[in-house]
PDB file of N, CA and C in Angstrom:
ATOM      1  N   UNK A   1     144.432 107.158 100.870  1.00  0.00           N
ATOM      2  CA  UNK A   1     143.435 107.747  99.984  1.00  0.00           C
ATOM      3  C   UNK A   1     144.149 108.727  99.061  1.00  0.00           C
ATOM      4  N   UNK A   2     143.778 108.704  97.813  1.00  0.00           N
ATOM      5  CA  UNK A   2     144.425 109.580  96.838  1.00  0.00           C
ATOM      6  C   UNK A   2     143.863 110.993  96.914  1.00  0.00           C
ATOM      7  N   UNK A   3     144.589 111.897  96.306  1.00  0.00           N
ATOM      8  CA  UNK A   3     144.141 113.285  96.232  1.00  0.00           C
ATOM      9  C   UNK A   3     142.833 113.376  95.464  1.00  0.00           C
ATOM     10  N   UNK A   4     142.700 112.542  94.412  1.00  0.00           N
ATOM     11  CA  UNK A   4     141.457 112.556  93.630  1.00  0.00           C
ATOM     12  C   UNK A   4     140.263 112.200  94.502  1.00  0.00           C
ATOM     13  N   UNK A   5     140.442 111.218  95.400  1.00  0.00           N
ATOM     14  CA  UNK A   5     139.362 110.843  96.302  1.00  0.00           C
ATOM     15  C   UNK A   5     138.946 111.997  97.193  1.00  0.00           C
ATOM     16  N   UNK A   6     139.928 112.746  97.689  1.00  0.00           N
ATOM     17  CA  UNK A   6     139.627 113.912  98.522  1.00  0.00           C
ATOM     18  C   UNK A   6     138.892 114.973  97.727  1.00  0.00           C
ATOM     19  N   UNK A   7     139.310 115.194  96.484  1.00  0.00           N
ATOM     20  CA  UNK A   7     138.657 116.197  95.635  1.00  0.00           C
ATOM     21  C   UNK A   7     137.208 115.820  95.370  1.00  0.00           C
ATOM     22  N   UNK A   8     136.938 114.522  95.105  1.00  0.00           N
ATOM     23  CA  UNK A   8     135.557 114.134  94.828  1.00  0.00           C
ATOM     24  C   UNK A   8     134.694 114.280  96.073  1.00  0.00           C
ATOM     25  N   UNK A   9     135.275 114.051  97.249  1.00  0.00           N
ATOM     26  CA  UNK A   9     134.516 114.250  98.485  1.00  0.00           C
ATOM     27  C   UNK A   9     134.192 115.722  98.685  1.00  0.00           C
ATOM     28  N   UNK A  10     135.162 116.591  98.376  1.00  0.00           N
ATOM     29  CA  UNK A  10     134.906 118.026  98.476  1.00  0.00           C
ATOM     30  C   UNK A  10     133.800 118.425  97.516  1.00  0.00           C
ATOM     31  N   UNK A  11     133.860 117.922  96.293  1.00  0.00           N
ATOM     32  CA  UNK A  11     132.837 118.242  95.295  1.00  0.00           C
ATOM     33  C   UNK A  11     131.474 117.758  95.750  1.00  0.00           C
ATOM     34  N   UNK A  12     131.440 116.576  96.340  1.00  0.00           N
ATOM     35  CA  UNK A  12     130.169 116.012  96.783  1.00  0.00           C
ATOM     36  C   UNK A  12     129.526 116.879  97.856  1.00  0.00           C
ATOM     37  N   UNK A  13     130.343 117.511  98.708  1.00  0.00           N
ATOM     38  CA  UNK A  13     129.786 118.373  99.752  1.00  0.00           C
ATOM     39  C   UNK A  13     129.016 119.548  99.173  1.00  0.00           C
ATOM     40  N   UNK A  14     129.468 120.061  98.044  1.00  0.00           N
ATOM     41  CA  UNK A  14     128.795 121.201  97.425  1.00  0.00           C
ATOM     42  C   UNK A  14     127.464 120.807  96.798  1.00  0.00           C
ATOM     43  N   UNK A  15     127.244 119.505  96.620  1.00  0.00           N
ATOM     44  CA  UNK A  15     126.001 119.027  96.040  1.00  0.00           C
ATOM     45  C   UNK A  15     124.959 118.750  97.110  1.00  0.00           C
ATOM     46  N   UNK A  16     125.311 119.012  98.331  1.00  0.00           N
ATOM     47  CA  UNK A  16     124.420 118.728  99.452  1.00  0.00           C
ATOM     48  C   UNK A  16     123.755 119.995  99.951  1.00  0.00           C
ATOM     49  N   UNK A  17     122.504 119.845 100.332  1.00  0.00           N
ATOM     50  CA  UNK A  17     121.775 120.948 100.915  1.00  0.00           C
ATOM     51  C   UNK A  17     121.784 120.812 102.430  1.00  0.00           C
ATOM     52  N   UNK A  18     120.847 121.492 103.093  1.00  0.00           N
ATOM     53  CA  UNK A  18     120.743 121.397 104.549  1.00  0.00           C
ATOM     54  C   UNK A  18     120.510 119.952 104.989  1.00  0.00           C
ATOM     55  N   UNK A  19     121.138 119.567 106.057  1.00  0.00           N
ATOM     56  CA  UNK A  19     120.946 118.221 106.582  1.00  0.00           C
ATOM     57  C   UNK A  19     121.671 117.153 105.785  1.00  0.00           C
ATOM     58  N   UNK A  20     122.527 117.542 104.854  1.00  0.00           N
ATOM     59  CA  UNK A  20     123.280 116.567 104.081  1.00  0.00           C
ATOM     60  C   UNK A  20     122.531 115.952 102.919  1.00  0.00           C
ATOM     61  N   UNK A  21     121.312 116.399 102.686  1.00  0.00           N
ATOM     62  CA  UNK A  21     120.537 115.856 101.567  1.00  0.00           C
ATOM     63  C   UNK A  21     121.000 116.487 100.266  1.00  0.00           C
ATOM     64  N   UNK A  22     120.891 115.746  99.157  1.00  0.00           N
ATOM     65  CA  UNK A  22     121.274 116.323  97.862  1.00  0.00           C
ATOM     66  C   UNK A  22     120.409 117.536  97.525  1.00  0.00           C
ATOM     67  N   UNK A  23     120.996 118.497  96.848  1.00  0.00           N
ATOM     68  CA  UNK A  23     120.215 119.640  96.382  1.00  0.00           C
ATOM     69  C   UNK A  23     119.220 119.153  95.342  1.00  0.00           C
ATOM     70  N   UNK A  24     118.226 119.962  95.049  1.00  0.00           N
ATOM     71  CA  UNK A  24     117.245 119.585  94.019  1.00  0.00           C
ATOM     72  C   UNK A  24     117.914 119.357  92.679  1.00  0.00           C
ATOM     73  N   UNK A  25     118.875 120.225  92.359  1.00  0.00           N
ATOM     74  CA  UNK A  25     119.577 120.090  91.078  1.00  0.00           C
ATOM     75  C   UNK A  25     120.327 118.765  91.016  1.00  0.00           C
ATOM     76  N   UNK A  26     120.991 118.392  92.108  1.00  0.00           N
ATOM     77  CA  UNK A  26     121.722 117.123  92.125  1.00  0.00           C
ATOM     78  C   UNK A  26     120.752 115.949  92.077  1.00  0.00           C
ATOM     79  N   UNK A  27     119.643 116.025  92.791  1.00  0.00           N
ATOM     80  CA  UNK A  27     118.645 114.954  92.748  1.00  0.00           C
ATOM     81  C   UNK A  27     118.093 114.795  91.333  1.00  0.00           C
ATOM     82  N   UNK A  28     117.872 115.893  90.647  1.00  0.00           N
ATOM     83  CA  UNK A  28     117.380 115.835  89.265  1.00  0.00           C
ATOM     84  C   UNK A  28     118.428 115.206  88.350  1.00  0.00           C
ATOM     85  N   UNK A  29     119.700 115.575  88.533  1.00  0.00           N
ATOM     86  CA  UNK A  29     120.775 114.962  87.727  1.00  0.00           C
ATOM     87  C   UNK A  29     120.843 113.457  87.973  1.00  0.00           C
ATOM     88  N   UNK A  30     120.717 113.056  89.223  1.00  0.00           N
ATOM     89  CA  UNK A  30     120.729 111.618  89.547  1.00  0.00           C
ATOM     90  C   UNK A  30     119.540 110.916  88.904  1.00  0.00           C
ATOM     91  N   UNK A  31     118.388 111.567  88.953  1.00  0.00           N
ATOM     92  CA  UNK A  31     117.193 110.966  88.373  1.00  0.00           C
ATOM     93  C   UNK A  31     117.355 110.793  86.864  1.00  0.00           C
ATOM     94  N   UNK A  32     117.873 111.807  86.194  1.00  0.00           N
ATOM     95  CA  UNK A  32     118.102 111.702  84.749  1.00  0.00           C
ATOM     96  C   UNK A  32     119.129 110.616  84.434  1.00  0.00           C
ATOM     97  N   UNK A  33     120.166 110.523  85.274  1.00  0.00           N
ATOM     98  CA  UNK A  33     121.174 109.472  85.086  1.00  0.00           C
ATOM     99  C   UNK A  33     120.547 108.097  85.299  1.00  0.00           C
ATOM    100  N   UNK A  34     119.674 107.973  86.292  1.00  0.00           N
ATOM    101  CA  UNK A  34     118.966 106.722  86.545  1.00  0.00           C
ATOM    102  C   UNK A  34     118.129 106.330  85.335  1.00  0.00           C
ATOM    103  N   UNK A  35     117.351 107.272  84.801  1.00  0.00           N
ATOM    104  CA  UNK A  35     116.513 106.967  83.640  1.00  0.00           C
ATOM    105  C   UNK A  35     117.341 106.599  82.414  1.00  0.00           C
ATOM    106  N   UNK A  36     118.427 107.307  82.189  1.00  0.00           N
ATOM    107  CA  UNK A  36     119.291 106.997  81.043  1.00  0.00           C
ATOM    108  C   UNK A  36     119.891 105.599  81.190  1.00  0.00           C
ATOM    109  N   UNK A  37     120.331 105.276  82.390  1.00  0.00           N
ATOM    110  CA  UNK A  37     120.916 103.959  82.641  1.00  0.00           C
ATOM    111  C   UNK A  37     119.862 102.873  82.498  1.00  0.00           C
ATOM    112  N   UNK A  38     118.688 103.094  83.072  1.00  0.00           N
ATOM    113  CA  UNK A  38     117.608 102.112  82.971  1.00  0.00           C
ATOM    114  C   UNK A  38     117.222 101.888  81.513  1.00  0.00           C
ATOM    115  N   UNK A  39     117.117 102.953  80.747  1.00  0.00           N
ATOM    116  CA  UNK A  39     116.770 102.834  79.331  1.00  0.00           C
ATOM    117  C   UNK A  39     117.804 101.984  78.605  1.00  0.00           C
ATOM    118  N   UNK A  40     119.062 102.276  78.835  1.00  0.00           N
ATOM    119  CA  UNK A  40     120.140 101.535  78.165  1.00  0.00           C
ATOM    120  C   UNK A  40     120.127 100.058  78.563  1.00  0.00           C
ATOM    121  N   UNK A  41     119.978  99.776  79.852  1.00  0.00           N
ATOM    122  CA  UNK A  41     120.015  98.392  80.316  1.00  0.00           C
ATOM    123  C   UNK A  41     118.767  97.613  79.916  1.00  0.00           C
ATOM    124  N   UNK A  42     117.595  98.234  79.987  1.00  0.00           N
ATOM    125  CA  UNK A  42     116.381  97.554  79.539  1.00  0.00           C
ATOM    126  C   UNK A  42     116.452  97.254  78.047  1.00  0.00           C
ATOM    127  N   UNK A  43     117.013  98.184  77.274  1.00  0.00           N
ATOM    128  CA  UNK A  43     117.153  97.980  75.837  1.00  0.00           C
ATOM    129  C   UNK A  43     118.103  96.821  75.553  1.00  0.00           C
ATOM    130  N   UNK A  44     119.174  96.738  76.295  1.00  0.00           N
ATOM    131  CA  UNK A  44     120.177  95.696  76.067  1.00  0.00           C
ATOM    132  C   UNK A  44     119.762  94.330  76.609  1.00  0.00           C
ATOM    133  N   UNK A  45     119.089  94.309  77.770  1.00  0.00           N
ATOM    134  CA  UNK A  45     118.847  93.040  78.457  1.00  0.00           C
ATOM    135  C   UNK A  45     117.382  92.672  78.636  1.00  0.00           C
ATOM    136  N   UNK A  46     116.481  93.604  78.351  1.00  0.00           N
ATOM    137  CA  UNK A  46     115.066  93.326  78.535  1.00  0.00           C
ATOM    138  C   UNK A  46     114.634  93.507  79.978  1.00  0.00           C
ATOM    139  N   UNK A  47     113.338  93.516  80.183  1.00  0.00           N
ATOM    140  CA  UNK A  47     112.778  93.725  81.519  1.00  0.00           C
ATOM    141  C   UNK A  47     113.202  92.622  82.482  1.00  0.00           C
ATOM    142  N   UNK A  48     113.133  91.372  82.038  1.00  0.00           N
ATOM    143  CA  UNK A  48     113.467  90.250  82.913  1.00  0.00           C
ATOM    144  C   UNK A  48     114.971  90.070  83.096  1.00  0.00           C
ATOM    145  N   UNK A  49     115.774  90.658  82.225  1.00  0.00           N
ATOM    146  CA  UNK A  49     117.210  90.427  82.244  1.00  0.00           C
ATOM    147  C   UNK A  49     118.012  91.346  83.132  1.00  0.00           C
ATOM    148  N   UNK A  50     117.351  92.243  83.837  1.00  0.00           N
ATOM    149  CA  UNK A  50     118.086  93.206  84.663  1.00  0.00           C
ATOM    150  C   UNK A  50     117.322  93.442  85.967  1.00  0.00           C
ATOM    151  N   UNK A  51     118.047  93.724  87.028  1.00  0.00           N
ATOM    152  CA  UNK A  51     117.421  93.958  88.334  1.00  0.00           C
ATOM    153  C   UNK A  51     117.534  95.431  88.724  1.00  0.00           C
ATOM    154  N   UNK A  52     116.687  95.821  89.660  1.00  0.00           N
ATOM    155  CA  UNK A  52     116.771  97.176  90.215  1.00  0.00           C
ATOM    156  C   UNK A  52     118.155  97.389  90.833  1.00  0.00           C
ATOM    157  N   UNK A  53     118.665  96.371  91.514  1.00  0.00           N
ATOM    158  CA  UNK A  53     119.999  96.476  92.119  1.00  0.00           C
ATOM    159  C   UNK A  53     121.053  96.813  91.072  1.00  0.00           C
ATOM    160  N   UNK A  54     121.023  96.102  89.947  1.00  0.00           N
ATOM    161  CA  UNK A  54     122.015  96.319  88.891  1.00  0.00           C
ATOM    162  C   UNK A  54     121.864  97.699  88.259  1.00  0.00           C
ATOM    163  N   UNK A  55     120.625  98.132  88.060  1.00  0.00           N
ATOM    164  CA  UNK A  55     120.379  99.457  87.480  1.00  0.00           C
ATOM    165  C   UNK A  55     120.895 100.542  88.424  1.00  0.00           C
ATOM    166  N   UNK A  56     120.558 100.421  89.703  1.00  0.00           N
ATOM    167  CA  UNK A  56     120.995 101.415  90.691  1.00  0.00           C
ATOM    168  C   UNK A  56     122.517 101.467  90.763  1.00  0.00           C
ATOM    169  N   UNK A  57     123.154 100.304  90.797  1.00  0.00           N
ATOM    170  CA  UNK A  57     124.619 100.268  90.875  1.00  0.00           C
ATOM    171  C   UNK A  57     125.245 100.913  89.643  1.00  0.00           C
ATOM    172  N   UNK A  58     124.747 100.553  88.471  1.00  0.00           N
ATOM    173  CA  UNK A  58     125.288 101.105  87.221  1.00  0.00           C
ATOM    174  C   UNK A  58     125.075 102.623  87.145  1.00  0.00           C
ATOM    175  N   UNK A  59     123.935 103.100  87.658  1.00  0.00           N
ATOM    176  CA  UNK A  59     123.626 104.534  87.630  1.00  0.00           C
ATOM    177  C   UNK A  59     124.357 105.303  88.731  1.00  0.00           C
ATOM    178  N   UNK A  60     124.899 104.579  89.701  1.00  0.00           N
ATOM    179  CA  UNK A  60     125.603 105.240  90.798  1.00  0.00           C
ATOM    180  C   UNK A  60     124.669 105.875  91.809  1.00  0.00           C
ATOM    181  N   UNK A  61     123.499 105.257  91.996  1.00  0.00           N
ATOM    182  CA  UNK A  61     122.540 105.759  92.980  1.00  0.00           C
ATOM    183  C   UNK A  61     122.190 104.632  93.945  1.00  0.00           C
ATOM    184  N   UNK A  62     121.676 105.001  95.096  1.00  0.00           N
ATOM    185  CA  UNK A  62     121.249 104.010  96.077  1.00  0.00           C
ATOM    186  C   UNK A  62     119.924 103.391  95.638  1.00  0.00           C
ATOM    187  N   UNK A  63     119.733 102.136  96.025  1.00  0.00           N
ATOM    188  CA  UNK A  63     118.485 101.453  95.687  1.00  0.00           C
ATOM    189  C   UNK A  63     117.289 102.209  96.269  1.00  0.00           C
ATOM    190  N   UNK A  64     117.465 102.779  97.447  1.00  0.00           N
ATOM    191  CA  UNK A  64     116.352 103.527  98.051  1.00  0.00           C
ATOM    192  C   UNK A  64     115.993 104.760  97.216  1.00  0.00           C
ATOM    193  N   UNK A  65     116.986 105.333  96.501  1.00  0.00           N
ATOM    194  CA  UNK A  65     116.728 106.458  95.593  1.00  0.00           C
ATOM    195  C   UNK A  65     115.759 106.017  94.494  1.00  0.00           C
ATOM    196  N   UNK A  66     115.966 104.808  93.976  1.00  0.00           N
ATOM    197  CA  UNK A  66     115.083 104.274  92.930  1.00  0.00           C
ATOM    198  C   UNK A  66     113.684 104.074  93.488  1.00  0.00           C
ATOM    199  N   UNK A  67     113.592 103.408  94.642  1.00  0.00           N
ATOM    200  CA  UNK A  67     112.280 103.095  95.213  1.00  0.00           C
ATOM    201  C   UNK A  67     111.560 104.324  95.762  1.00  0.00           C
ATOM    202  N   UNK A  68     112.260 105.405  95.991  1.00  0.00           N
ATOM    203  CA  UNK A  68     111.600 106.649  96.403  1.00  0.00           C
ATOM    204  C   UNK A  68     110.840 107.259  95.228  1.00  0.00           C
ATOM    205  N   UNK A  69     111.209 106.864  94.006  1.00  0.00           N
ATOM    206  CA  UNK A  69     110.591 107.432  92.805  1.00  0.00           C
ATOM    207  C   UNK A  69     109.697 106.454  92.056  1.00  0.00           C
ATOM    208  N   UNK A  70     109.978 105.167  92.198  1.00  0.00           N
ATOM    209  CA  UNK A  70     109.237 104.137  91.455  1.00  0.00           C
ATOM    210  C   UNK A  70     108.874 103.003  92.397  1.00  0.00           C
ATOM    211  N   UNK A  71     107.633 102.521  92.274  1.00  0.00           N
ATOM    212  CA  UNK A  71     107.167 101.439  93.146  1.00  0.00           C
ATOM    213  C   UNK A  71     107.918 100.140  92.904  1.00  0.00           C
ATOM    214  N   UNK A  72     108.208  99.869  91.628  1.00  0.00           N
ATOM    215  CA  UNK A  72     108.841  98.605  91.292  1.00  0.00           C
ATOM    216  C   UNK A  72     109.541  98.714  89.941  1.00  0.00           C
ATOM    217  N   UNK A  73     110.123  97.625  89.509  1.00  0.00           N
ATOM    218  CA  UNK A  73     110.877  97.621  88.258  1.00  0.00           C
ATOM    219  C   UNK A  73     109.963  97.915  87.070  1.00  0.00           C
ATOM    220  N   UNK A  74     108.741  97.444  87.118  1.00  0.00           N
ATOM    221  CA  UNK A  74     107.795  97.698  86.034  1.00  0.00           C
ATOM    222  C   UNK A  74     107.514  99.181  85.849  1.00  0.00           C
ATOM    223  N   UNK A  75     107.360  99.894  86.946  1.00  0.00           N
ATOM    224  CA  UNK A  75     107.107 101.335  86.864  1.00  0.00           C
ATOM    225  C   UNK A  75     108.335 102.080  86.324  1.00  0.00           C
ATOM    226  N   UNK A  76     109.524 101.648  86.720  1.00  0.00           N
ATOM    227  CA  UNK A  76     110.755 102.237  86.180  1.00  0.00           C
ATOM    228  C   UNK A  76     110.864 101.942  84.684  1.00  0.00           C
ATOM    229  N   UNK A  77     110.490 100.736  84.283  1.00  0.00           N
ATOM    230  CA  UNK A  77     110.517 100.359  82.871  1.00  0.00           C
ATOM    231  C   UNK A  77     109.596 101.261  82.051  1.00  0.00           C
ATOM    232  N   UNK A  78     108.388 101.488  82.540  1.00  0.00           N
ATOM    233  CA  UNK A  78     107.437 102.364  81.840  1.00  0.00           C
ATOM    234  C   UNK A  78     108.016 103.773  81.709  1.00  0.00           C
ATOM    235  N   UNK A  79     108.620 104.285  82.766  1.00  0.00           N
ATOM    236  CA  UNK A  79     109.229 105.624  82.716  1.00  0.00           C
ATOM    237  C   UNK A  79     110.371 105.659  81.703  1.00  0.00           C
ATOM    238  N   UNK A  80     111.164 104.600  81.652  1.00  0.00           N
ATOM    239  CA  UNK A  80     112.279 104.541  80.699  1.00  0.00           C
ATOM    240  C   UNK A  80     111.762 104.502  79.266  1.00  0.00           C
ATOM    241  N   UNK A  81     110.706 103.732  79.027  1.00  0.00           N
ATOM    242  CA  UNK A  81     110.119 103.657  77.678  1.00  0.00           C
ATOM    243  C   UNK A  81     109.530 105.008  77.283  1.00  0.00           C
ATOM    244  N   UNK A  82     108.828 105.664  78.198  1.00  0.00           N
ATOM    245  CA  UNK A  82     108.273 106.996  77.910  1.00  0.00           C
ATOM    246  C   UNK A  82     109.383 107.975  77.558  1.00  0.00           C
ATOM    247  N   UNK A  83     110.475 107.927  78.301  1.00  0.00           N
ATOM    248  CA  UNK A  83     111.619 108.811  78.032  1.00  0.00           C
ATOM    249  C   UNK A  83     112.179 108.551  76.640  1.00  0.00           C
ATOM    250  N   UNK A  84     112.321 107.286  76.285  1.00  0.00           N
ATOM    251  CA  UNK A  84     112.843 106.921  74.974  1.00  0.00           C
ATOM    252  C   UNK A  84     111.914 107.403  73.862  1.00  0.00           C
ATOM    253  N   UNK A  85     110.611 107.223  74.049  1.00  0.00           N
ATOM    254  CA  UNK A  85     109.633 107.679  73.049  1.00  0.00           C
ATOM    255  C   UNK A  85     109.688 109.195  72.908  1.00  0.00           C
ATOM    256  N   UNK A  86     109.732 109.909  74.028  1.00  0.00           N
ATOM    257  CA  UNK A  86     109.802 111.378  73.972  1.00  0.00           C
ATOM    258  C   UNK A  86     111.044 111.848  73.224  1.00  0.00           C
ATOM    259  N   UNK A  87     112.174 111.177  73.456  1.00  0.00           N
ATOM    260  CA  UNK A  87     113.405 111.538  72.741  1.00  0.00           C
ATOM    261  C   UNK A  87     113.247 111.319  71.242  1.00  0.00           C
ATOM    262  N   UNK A  88     112.688 110.171  70.867  1.00  0.00           N
ATOM    263  CA  UNK A  88     112.535 109.839  69.444  1.00  0.00           C
ATOM    264  C   UNK A  88     111.538 110.772  68.769  1.00  0.00           C
ATOM    265  N   UNK A  89     110.429 111.034  69.429  1.00  0.00           N
ATOM    266  CA  UNK A  89     109.423 111.930  68.852  1.00  0.00           C
ATOM    267  C   UNK A  89     110.004 113.330  68.711  1.00  0.00           C
ATOM    268  N   UNK A  90     110.735 113.773  69.707  1.00  0.00           N
ATOM    269  CA  UNK A  90     111.375 115.088  69.626  1.00  0.00           C
ATOM    270  C   UNK A  90     112.322 115.176  68.452  1.00  0.00           C
ATOM    271  N   UNK A  91     113.083 114.114  68.226  1.00  0.00           N
ATOM    272  CA  UNK A  91     114.006 114.086  67.095  1.00  0.00           C
ATOM    273  C   UNK A  91     113.238 114.159  65.782  1.00  0.00           C
ATOM    274  N   UNK A  92     112.193 113.367  65.662  1.00  0.00           N
ATOM    275  CA  UNK A  92     111.402 113.345  64.426  1.00  0.00           C
ATOM    276  C   UNK A  92     110.741 114.696  64.193  1.00  0.00           C
ATOM    277  N   UNK A  93     110.241 115.306  65.247  1.00  0.00           N
ATOM    278  CA  UNK A  93     109.546 116.586  65.098  1.00  0.00           C
ATOM    279  C   UNK A  93     110.497 117.701  64.662  1.00  0.00           C
ATOM    280  N   UNK A  94     111.757 117.612  65.019  1.00  0.00           N
ATOM    281  CA  UNK A  94     112.696 118.666  64.641  1.00  0.00           C
ATOM    282  C   UNK A  94     113.323 118.432  63.273  1.00  0.00           C
ATOM    283  N   UNK A  95     113.179 117.247  62.756  1.00  0.00           N
ATOM    284  CA  UNK A  95     113.791 116.928  61.468  1.00  0.00           C
ATOM    285  C   UNK A  95     112.900 117.432  60.336  1.00  0.00           C
ATOM    286  N   UNK A  96     113.461 118.205  59.462  1.00  0.00           N
ATOM    287  CA  UNK A  96     112.724 118.712  58.304  1.00  0.00           C
ATOM    288  C   UNK A  96     113.009 117.784  57.125  1.00  0.00           C
ATOM    289  N   UNK A  97     111.986 117.111  56.629  1.00  0.00           N
ATOM    290  CA  UNK A  97     112.162 116.160  55.531  1.00  0.00           C
ATOM    291  C   UNK A  97     112.732 116.850  54.303  1.00  0.00           C
ATOM    292  N   UNK A  98     112.372 118.077  54.071  1.00  0.00           N
ATOM    293  CA  UNK A  98     112.828 118.786  52.880  1.00  0.00           C
ATOM    294  C   UNK A  98     114.323 119.105  52.915  1.00  0.00           C
ATOM    295  N   UNK A  99     114.955 118.963  54.062  1.00  0.00           N
ATOM    296  CA  UNK A  99     116.378 119.287  54.176  1.00  0.00           C
ATOM    297  C   UNK A  99     117.281 118.226  53.573  1.00  0.00           C
ATOM    298  N   UNK A 100     116.827 117.011  53.497  1.00  0.00           N
ATOM    299  CA  UNK A 100     117.675 115.928  53.012  1.00  0.00           C
ATOM    300  C   UNK A 100     116.825 114.876  52.314  1.00  0.00           C
ATOM    301  N   UNK A 101     117.464 114.040  51.517  1.00  0.00           N
ATOM    302  CA  UNK A 101     116.718 112.946  50.890  1.00  0.00           C
ATOM    303  C   UNK A 101     116.112 112.027  51.953  1.00  0.00           C
ATOM    304  N   UNK A 102     115.039 111.362  51.600  1.00  0.00           N
ATOM    305  CA  UNK A 102     114.336 110.485  52.535  1.00  0.00           C
ATOM    306  C   UNK A 102     115.278 109.413  53.080  1.00  0.00           C
ATOM    307  N   UNK A 103     116.105 108.845  52.231  1.00  0.00           N
ATOM    308  CA  UNK A 103     117.027 107.795  52.668  1.00  0.00           C
ATOM    309  C   UNK A 103     117.948 108.299  53.785  1.00  0.00           C
ATOM    310  N   UNK A 104     118.473 109.493  53.643  1.00  0.00           N
ATOM    311  CA  UNK A 104     119.347 110.064  54.672  1.00  0.00           C
ATOM    312  C   UNK A 104     118.578 110.275  55.972  1.00  0.00           C
ATOM    313  N   UNK A 105     117.327 110.705  55.865  1.00  0.00           N
ATOM    314  CA  UNK A 105     116.503 110.907  57.052  1.00  0.00           C
ATOM    315  C   UNK A 105     116.230 109.612  57.785  1.00  0.00           C
ATOM    316  N   UNK A 106     115.942 108.555  57.033  1.00  0.00           N
ATOM    317  CA  UNK A 106     115.689 107.258  57.655  1.00  0.00           C
ATOM    318  C   UNK A 106     116.952 106.712  58.319  1.00  0.00           C
ATOM    319  N   UNK A 107     118.081 106.885  57.676  1.00  0.00           N
ATOM    320  CA  UNK A 107     119.341 106.431  58.269  1.00  0.00           C
ATOM    321  C   UNK A 107     119.660 107.212  59.544  1.00  0.00           C
ATOM    322  N   UNK A 108     119.369 108.491  59.558  1.00  0.00           N
ATOM    323  CA  UNK A 108     119.611 109.311  60.749  1.00  0.00           C
ATOM    324  C   UNK A 108     118.700 108.889  61.889  1.00  0.00           C
ATOM    325  N   UNK A 109     117.470 108.509  61.574  1.00  0.00           N
ATOM    326  CA  UNK A 109     116.511 108.108  62.597  1.00  0.00           C
ATOM    327  C   UNK A 109     116.871 106.754  63.182  1.00  0.00           C
ATOM    328  N   UNK A 110     117.386 105.852  62.350  1.00  0.00           N
ATOM    329  CA  UNK A 110     117.741 104.497  62.805  1.00  0.00           C
ATOM    330  C   UNK A 110     118.918 104.594  63.689  1.00  0.00           C
TER     331      UNK A 110
END
């Protein structure tokens, strides 16, 4: 085992709370990583083109972590779409049209 492997194990211990469970902060980071990964994969492959297994593996979380938060792939898809919409709306709401020509604003949004 390499030194890097030992260092990552040490780091992982600090992310654990009592009983070896992840801290709330680490669970939240994993959840955000899961949603970001799901959004990216659903966008690239569509709902039918990707599995919960593949999303969990790509996000670096256990499948049970996904199912503890979402009943099924459809519910995860809805959460990913909501996250994407919230990001886009937030971007649009912060953009001041008067700051730049309309063409530049549309290019920035795309």
